[in-house]
Amino acid sequence: MMLDRTLAQVGRNLSDAMRILGDGQRDPEAGEERWRLGRTSIPGPLQGDGQDVAAILHLVHNLIHDEDEGEDKPSQHRMQNVGEQGHMALLGHSLAAYISVLDRERLRKLTTRILSDTTLWLCRLFRYENGSAYFHEDDRDGLVKVCRLVINARYEEYASEGYAVLSSKQPIIYQSASGRPGLGQHLCSQLGLPLSSLCTVPCNTVFGSQHQMDVALLDTLIKEDIEAGKLPLLLIVNAGTPGAGHTDKLARLKDVCDQYSMWLHVEGVNLATLALAQVTSAIMAATRSDSMTLTPGQWLGLPAVTAVTLYRHEDPALSLAAGLTCSQPVARLRALPLWLSLQYLGHNGIVQKIRHATALSQQLLQKLKAMTSIKTSVEDELSSPVVLFKFSQETSAASSGGSVEGYCEGEREVQDAFNRWLGEQLVQLVPSSGVDVVELEDEGTCVRFSPLLTAAVLGTQQENVEELAEKLTQLLPVMCSTMGLRQDFREEIHRHSPSLTYIQDLSWPGLGAVRYEPQTEGMDESRRKQQLEKINAELLKKLQDLDADIVFSTGPEFGTEEHCVFVGMVTEDVDVSELVETVAALGRDIEESGRLLENMTEVVRRGILEAEQQLQLANEEKLMEEGMLRQLPLVGSVLNWFSPFQSSIKGRTFNLAAGSLDSTEGTYSTKAQTGRPSLQETPTSSKKLPGQRLFRRSGAGSESFSETSSVGQAEEPTGRGGSTPSGSVHPPAEETAHTAGDEESRESSLQVHTPVEEEVTSEERQPEGQEAEPSGT
C-alpha cells in the first residue's frame, strides 16, 4: 500500500530531526553558522533568503546541549528517555499539523474516529465503562471543566442568569488537606468563585492513615453547610496523594456523595494500577466515581501527551456548555499523539510498563525493611506503588557512638535537615532512580520513590534500585554517627568558652557550627565585627586545607548565621575533642598572628631606637676597653698583631615576638640556640599512626565514608610515612632568642640585626670546631 508522499516525508523529517538533535555530535560548520547567526545585526537569522532545515536543526541542537556560560563542569539534568513509543508521540504532533490542512469534511470524519477510538481504549484499559473523555494540556483543566458542568447541572438558570444565581445558594467544593497544593485556589480563580466556596477537609488523626480524608468530619461539614443555606457541589478525593501516595476511602466517600447529591472526582497516580489484572478494592472503588483525571503520558513515558479526564454525564448540551466537548475538529487532534502511542504499545506493552513500575516499588521496599535506621511510610506494603522513607533518629540513636541524652530541642528540625541532605545525595548519586524530597505536615521531610511518575521517563531498571539501596547503605552510618556526635560537639565547644561559641542552626545537616571569639576589649562594634569576620574567614581557610575527611564550609547558601565555621558529616571514629581543640588552637594562632602584625610597626620602631642606644653604649664601652691607640688605623693594626685583644662586647638579636633585644652570648658559646624549647607536637600529630588521617581515633575500625558522598573528602596522603600531617596545628612558640644565621628562625619570626652583630655574624660562619679570630674595627 502506498503512503501519501507528504505523510512519508513527515516521517522522514522527524527521523532526521531526532537523529540530529539526539546524536550529541556537533558539526563544525553548524558551529560557525551559529556564531554567524548570533553575531549578525537585527533581524539576525531572518536576513537574506532564510536558512535550510539542517542549519536550523543544528541551531536547535546547540541551544539544547550547550551548557550555560561560566559553569566549570556540565550540569547533570534528568533527561527523558525517549524510546520508540516516544517517537510515535512526537510523530503524532507532526501529523496533527499535517491533518489540520485537510478539507473540513474529511477532517471531521478523521478526528471523530481518533477521538472515539482513544476514548474507548482508555475506558476499557482503566475499567471506566460508558465514559466520555476530555483531553487537555493542563492536568487541572479537566477538573475546571467538570466543575462548570456540575454548576450548569445543579443551577438550572445558570445558563441564562449567570453568576447571579449563585448568590442564592453558594456552591461549596470540598477537597482533602493532603491534596495537591493550590488546586482549590486555581479552581476558584478559574470559576470566579470566592475562596469561601472552598472547604478543606482534615485528614484522620487517630484512626486510619494520616493522609486519608476524615469521612465522619466531612459528613459533619456538609451538614453544617446545608444548614447555612449553601450547596455542596463537588468533592475532590485522591487515589494516591501527591506527597505520600495514600488513597482515600473511596467507597465510603462515594456513598456520602450519593447521599447529598454531590459530584465525586478522583485523581492520583494510583489510578494507573487499574490497568493491571489484580487491583485492590480501595483503587477499584474509583471506577464508581463521576469523573477521574489520568496522566498516561507520565505513566508510559510519552512526551508532550495530554492528560485525560474521564467523566459520565448524559446531557451532551451541558458538556458542550462546560467545554468538555468541542465542535471544532482541530481541537480534537489533541488525542492524536496518544492514539498513535497506545496502538504502538498495545495492551501488553501498557500493562508491562505499569507492572514494572509497581515491581520497582516493592523491590525498594524490601531493601528498606532490612535497614534499621530507615523508617518507611507506605499505605499497603503488598501493593503500594509509592514508597516514602526517611532517616529516623530513634532507630539510629542506639547504634551511634555518641551521646544523645538530653538532645530534644529542635529534634524534628534536625531530622528534616538530615533527610533533606539524604534526598539530595541520592538524587545526585543515582539520578536515574527518580527519587525526590517531599515536605509533609506529619512526617516532616521524607524521600519519595514513585516510579509510576518517573520510571518510564527516566528508564529506571532493577539495577538502579539496587544501586540506590547500596548508596543509601553507605550514607546511613555517616548520618547515624553525625547525629550521635552533635551533642558531644556542642559540649566540647562549651568547655572552650569564651574563645569558642556554639552556633545553633537546626537546618544544617552536619556536626554543627562553631565561631571563634577573639579578645576585643576596648574595640568599637564595627571594629569588633571586622575582627570577627577576618579571623573566622582565615580559620575556615586553614581548616579546609587540613588533611581530613571532614568538610568545613560557610553553611547553607541562604543561612542566617554569618562569620562561623560549619562542620559537615563525620564518621563514628572522629575524635570530637581533638577536632574542637584544633579549631581553638588554630583560632588562637590566627588571633596572635594578627595581633603581632598590627603591633609590628610600633615594635620595630621601638626596637630600632633601643638598638641605636645599645650600639652607642657598646661603642663607648669598646673605646674604654681598647684605648685610644687601638682606634688609630695603622697603630691599632700593629698593636693588635703583637698583643691581640679579646673584646667583651657581644652581639644582639632582635626578637620581634617579644619586642626586645637579646644577647647572643649563649648562642655562640654553645654553637646553638640555647634556651629555645623545641616546638611541641600537637595532640593531633602525637596520636597519629603512619597514614592515619586527622581527627581519627587510633584503633578505630570504621573507614571513611564513601567518596561518592558530596561532602568533598580529601584524598589519602601519600609518601608521608609517619610525619606530621600538613594540617597539624602547632601552639604559639615561646618568646625565645633567634640567631641571624638560623634558617628555621627566619621563617618563624622577623629579626632585625644591629651593626654590632655583624662582626659576630662573621664569626658564626666559621666552620665548627675552629676558634673565631677576634677582629677589631
Foldseek 3Di string as FASTA:
>chain_A
DDDDPVLVVLLVVLVVLCCLLPVPDADPVLVVVLVQQVPDDPPRQPPDPHDDPSSVSNNVSCVVPPADPPDPDRDDDQFFDQDPLQSLLVSLVVVLVVLVPDDDVVLQVVLVVLQVVVQVVVCVLLVQPPWHKFWDADLLVVVLLVLLLLCCVVQVCCVPPNCVSCVQAPEAEEEEPLADPPSLVVSCVSRVHDPVSYHYAAADDPDDDNRAGDLVSVLVVVVVSVVVRHAYEEYEFECQGPFATHGYQLVSVVVSCVVRVYAYEYEYLNSLCSSPPDDDPSNVSNSVGQKYKADVCQQQVHPSQTIMMIGDDDDVVSSVVSVRDDPDSSSSSSSRSVSSSCVVCDSVNSNVSNVQLQVLVLLLVVLQVPDQQKDWDANDSVGRSKIKIFGDLVSLQVVEPAACPPVDVLPLLLRLLQRQLVQVLLCVLQVLQVKHWDADDPNGIIIMRRCSRRCNTSVDHNVSSVVSSVVVVLVVQLQSHLNRCLVVLQVLQVVVPPQKDFDDDSNFAASGKMFGQDDDPPHDPVVRVVVLLVLLVVLQVLVCPAQAQKFWDQTDPPDDDGSIITIHTDHRQFQSNQVSVQSSQSSVVSNLVVVLVVCQVVLVVVAVVVLVVVVVVLVVVVCVVPDDQLVDDPSVVVCCVVPNDDDPDFWWKAQSSVSDIDTCVVCVVVVHFPPFDDFDFDPQLVQDAFQDGTRGHPPDDDDTGDPSGPSDRDDGDPPPGSDGTPSGRTHDGDRGGDDPPDPVVVVVGPMDTDPVNVVVVVQSPDDPPDHRDDDDD
